[in-house]
Every structure is written in C-alpha cells, then in structure tokens.
Amino acid sequence: MASIRISPDGMEILLLYDDNLMMEGRKRVVRASHVKFHEEDQLWRVHELFADGSELKHEEGFESRHGAIAYEIGILETRLEQEPETVESMFG
C-alpha cells in the first residue's frame, strides 16, 4: 500500500510505499497533477495529468491556490486509497 502526503503549500511531497524506494535501479518521478490559475474567471483549478499526455481539468474552481491544492490532495489521496490500480495507469 502506498500513501502520498502533500504539504498545504504544495512545495513538499512525501510518498510512503511498502517497497523500499532506495532499492537499486533507476527511479522515475512524474507529475500526477498541477494547479493552474484561469484568468477568464479568476479561479484556480486542478488538472490531472495522464501518461498519454492527456489532461483532465476539474471544473471545481477556487478563489485561493491553497483551496485548490487541498482539493488536489483529496483527489489524489482518494484515488490512491480507493483505486490504486488506476494510479499506475496514470504514469504509463
């Protein structure tokens, strides 16, 4: 089982995983999502990123970046807990 924790400001990420991440071999780190500011309506939104290059823009908008990051964390933690098989497919 894996667990991801992202600091409220989005600057620090901690990934906890049963397997030893320091095992020999190359590691690969990929971005699962990001928060973008939308000038047209002046709101922050979460965009999930996928291995095929596609992006899912969540329609829920936030006045503060902090609110969008909290929403982003919730989305990713829920996916990790409830649908762990989909996490692997995100990164190809």
Protein backbone atom coordinates (compact mmCIF):
# COMPACT_ATOMS: atom_id res chain seq x y z
CA MET A 1 0.00 0.00 0.00
CA ALA A 2 1.23 3.46 -0.83
CA SER A 3 0.39 6.80 0.68
CA ILE A 4 1.09 10.30 -0.54
CA ARG A 5 1.15 13.42 1.58
CA ILE A 6 1.49 16.91 0.12
CA SER A 7 2.19 19.94 2.31
CA PRO A 8 -0.55 22.60 2.33
CA ASP A 9 1.55 24.95 0.21
CA GLY A 10 2.24 22.20 -2.35
CA MET A 11 6.00 22.59 -2.02
CA GLU A 12 6.79 19.31 -0.23
CA ILE A 13 5.66 15.84 -1.22
CA LEU A 14 6.12 12.68 0.81
CA LEU A 15 5.47 9.30 -0.75
CA LEU A 16 5.22 6.35 1.62
CA TYR A 17 5.32 2.93 -0.01
CA ASP A 18 5.76 -0.60 1.33
CA ASP A 19 8.58 -1.37 -1.08
CA ASN A 20 11.98 0.12 -0.44
CA LEU A 21 12.25 3.13 -2.75
CA MET A 22 16.01 3.15 -2.28
CA MET A 23 16.41 -0.24 -3.93
CA GLU A 24 18.95 -0.46 -6.71
CA GLY A 25 17.91 0.72 -10.11
CA ARG A 26 16.69 3.89 -11.72
CA LYS A 27 13.77 5.76 -10.22
CA ARG A 28 11.16 7.66 -12.19
CA VAL A 29 9.23 10.59 -10.78
CA VAL A 30 6.33 12.02 -12.73
CA ARG A 31 3.84 14.78 -12.05
CA ALA A 32 0.31 13.49 -11.41
CA SER A 33 -1.41 16.87 -11.43
CA HIS A 34 -0.97 20.57 -11.13
CA VAL A 35 -2.96 23.63 -10.14
CA LYS A 36 -3.49 26.34 -12.76
CA PHE A 37 -4.88 29.85 -12.50
CA HIS A 38 -7.61 30.56 -15.05
CA GLU A 39 -7.60 34.24 -15.94
CA GLU A 40 -11.00 34.15 -17.67
CA ASP A 41 -12.89 33.54 -14.41
CA GLN A 42 -10.08 34.32 -11.92
CA LEU A 43 -10.20 30.88 -10.30
CA TRP A 44 -7.65 28.15 -9.54
CA ARG A 45 -8.36 24.65 -10.87
CA VAL A 46 -6.81 21.19 -10.56
CA HIS A 47 -5.57 19.48 -13.72
CA GLU A 48 -4.83 15.75 -13.55
CA LEU A 49 -2.13 14.53 -15.94
CA PHE A 50 -2.03 11.13 -17.65
CA ALA A 51 0.65 9.01 -19.34
CA ASP A 52 -0.84 9.52 -22.80
CA GLY A 53 -0.35 13.28 -22.47
CA SER A 54 -3.99 14.00 -21.79
CA GLU A 55 -5.13 16.31 -19.03
CA LEU A 56 -8.38 16.37 -17.07
CA LYS A 57 -9.41 19.84 -15.91
CA HIS A 58 -11.64 19.65 -12.84
CA GLU A 59 -14.46 22.17 -13.11
CA GLU A 60 -14.44 22.95 -9.38
CA GLY A 61 -12.79 26.40 -9.11
CA PHE A 62 -11.21 28.07 -6.09
CA GLU A 63 -10.50 31.69 -5.24
CA SER A 64 -7.34 30.69 -3.39
CA ARG A 65 -4.49 28.49 -4.57
CA HIS A 66 -4.46 26.94 -1.11
CA GLY A 67 -8.07 25.75 -1.59
CA ALA A 68 -7.23 24.24 -4.97
CA ILE A 69 -4.20 22.43 -3.53
CA ALA A 70 -6.32 20.98 -0.70
CA TYR A 71 -8.80 19.73 -3.32
CA GLU A 72 -5.92 18.30 -5.39
CA ILE A 73 -4.59 16.41 -2.38
CA GLY A 74 -8.05 15.00 -1.68
CA ILE A 75 -8.49 13.82 -5.27
CA LEU A 76 -5.12 12.05 -5.36
CA GLU A 77 -5.38 10.52 -1.90
CA THR A 78 -8.86 9.19 -2.67
CA ARG A 79 -7.67 7.69 -5.94
CA LEU A 80 -4.67 6.11 -4.21
CA GLU A 81 -6.85 4.61 -1.46
CA GLN A 82 -9.90 3.53 -3.47
CA GLU A 83 -8.48 2.79 -6.92
CA PRO A 84 -4.76 2.02 -6.58
CA GLU A 85 -4.70 0.23 -9.93
CA THR A 86 -5.59 3.48 -11.71
CA VAL A 87 -2.60 5.27 -10.20
CA GLU A 88 -0.17 3.05 -12.12
CA SER A 89 -2.07 3.66 -15.37
CA MET A 90 -1.68 7.42 -14.89
CA PHE A 91 2.05 7.12 -15.41
CA GLY A 92 2.31 4.51 -18.14
